[in-house]
Protein backbone atom coordinates (compact mmCIF):
# COMPACT_ATOMS: atom_id res chain seq x y z
CA MET A 1 0.00 0.00 0.01
CA MET A 2 2.90 2.37 0.73
CA PHE A 3 4.31 1.89 -2.74
CA VAL A 4 0.99 2.74 -4.32
CA ALA A 5 0.88 5.92 -2.22
CA GLY A 6 4.44 6.62 -3.39
CA MET A 7 3.41 6.19 -7.03
CA ILE A 8 0.50 8.58 -6.52
CA ALA A 9 2.87 11.10 -4.97
CA ILE A 10 5.24 10.73 -7.95
CA LEU A 11 2.34 11.33 -10.34
CA ILE A 12 1.32 14.45 -8.47
CA ALA A 13 4.91 15.70 -8.57
CA MET A 14 4.99 14.99 -12.33
CA THR A 15 1.83 17.03 -12.81
CA LEU A 16 3.31 19.96 -10.92
CA ILE A 17 6.49 19.71 -12.97
CA LEU A 18 4.48 19.85 -16.16
CA VAL A 19 2.79 22.99 -14.94
CA ARG A 20 6.23 24.54 -14.34
CA ALA A 21 7.31 23.44 -17.83
CA PHE A 22 4.40 25.24 -19.43
CA LEU A 23 4.52 28.33 -17.23
CA GLY A 24 8.31 28.72 -16.88
CA PRO A 25 9.37 32.29 -17.62
CA THR A 26 12.66 31.29 -19.29
CA VAL A 27 13.82 28.53 -21.56
CA PHE A 28 16.16 27.22 -18.89
CA ASP A 29 13.29 26.88 -16.41
CA ARG A 30 11.47 24.78 -18.98
CA ILE A 31 14.52 22.63 -19.69
CA LEU A 32 15.01 22.04 -15.97
CA ALA A 33 11.32 21.09 -15.64
CA VAL A 34 11.52 18.64 -18.52
CA ASN A 35 14.67 17.10 -17.03
CA SER A 36 12.96 16.76 -13.67
CA PHE A 37 9.98 15.18 -15.37
CA GLY A 38 12.27 12.64 -16.96
CA THR A 39 13.84 11.87 -13.62
CA LYS A 40 10.46 11.34 -12.03
CA THR A 41 9.49 9.09 -14.94
CA VAL A 42 12.52 6.91 -14.30
CA LEU A 43 11.56 6.68 -10.63
CA PHE A 44 7.96 5.85 -11.57
CA ILE A 45 9.07 3.09 -13.96
CA ALA A 46 11.36 1.62 -11.31
CA VAL A 47 8.67 1.60 -8.60
CA TYR A 48 6.13 0.14 -11.04
CA GLY A 49 8.58 -2.62 -11.99
CA PHE A 50 9.06 -3.40 -8.29
CA LEU A 51 5.32 -3.51 -7.62
CA THR A 52 4.60 -5.81 -10.53
CA GLY A 53 7.58 -8.07 -9.83
CA ARG A 54 9.24 -7.38 -13.20
CA PRO A 55 12.92 -6.49 -12.65
CA GLU A 56 13.46 -5.90 -16.38
CA PHE A 57 11.69 -2.56 -15.91
CA LEU A 58 14.84 -1.36 -14.15
CA ASP A 59 16.72 -1.82 -17.42
CA ILE A 60 14.11 0.26 -19.20
CA ALA A 61 14.37 2.89 -16.49
CA LEU A 62 18.16 3.08 -16.86
CA VAL A 63 17.95 3.44 -20.66
CA TYR A 64 15.35 6.19 -20.22
CA ALA A 65 17.62 7.94 -17.72
CA LEU A 66 20.54 7.92 -20.21
CA ILE A 67 18.34 9.22 -22.98
CA ASN A 68 17.00 11.96 -20.67
CA PHE A 69 20.54 13.01 -19.72
CA ILE A 70 21.87 13.06 -23.26
CA GLY A 71 18.79 14.93 -24.51
CA THR A 72 19.10 17.58 -21.84
CA ILE A 73 22.78 18.12 -22.65
CA ALA A 74 21.95 18.37 -26.38
CA VAL A 75 19.21 20.91 -25.84
CA LEU A 76 21.36 23.00 -23.53
CA ARG A 77 24.19 22.89 -26.07
CA PHE A 78 21.80 23.98 -28.83
CA PHE A 79 20.60 26.97 -26.81
CA GLU A 80 24.15 27.90 -25.85
CA TYR A 81 25.79 27.72 -29.25
CA GLY A 82 22.86 27.99 -31.67
CA ASP A 83 23.69 24.71 -33.46
CA PHE A 84 25.31 21.37 -32.89
CA THR A 85 28.28 21.82 -35.18
CA SER A 86 30.25 24.67 -33.62
CA LEU A 87 32.93 23.57 -31.21
CA GLY A 88 33.45 26.09 -28.40
CA GLN A 89 32.29 29.23 -30.25
CA LYS A 90 29.37 31.10 -28.76
CA ARG A 91 26.86 32.97 -30.87
CA GLU A 92 28.35 36.34 -29.93
CA ASP A 93 31.82 35.31 -31.09
CA ARG A 94 30.80 34.34 -34.64
């Protein structure tokens, strides 16, 4: 019963994070909210896998965590440099 309450709490937190993602005043607030949503999704998948007795869900959660991390780094790099091809040159320098 405690794990079900934990899953409900995670879903509520995910809902609040989505609100922050839509209302965030800056792009970086939105990126942080999407990254947090991905982290909560990994936690949700792991708890769900534990509740259903399916340990392979942990593998899915780990892959999702890696994709979330790489995607966040890629989006931040895009907003910092303007594209994915420039190596170390900011927009102001070009």
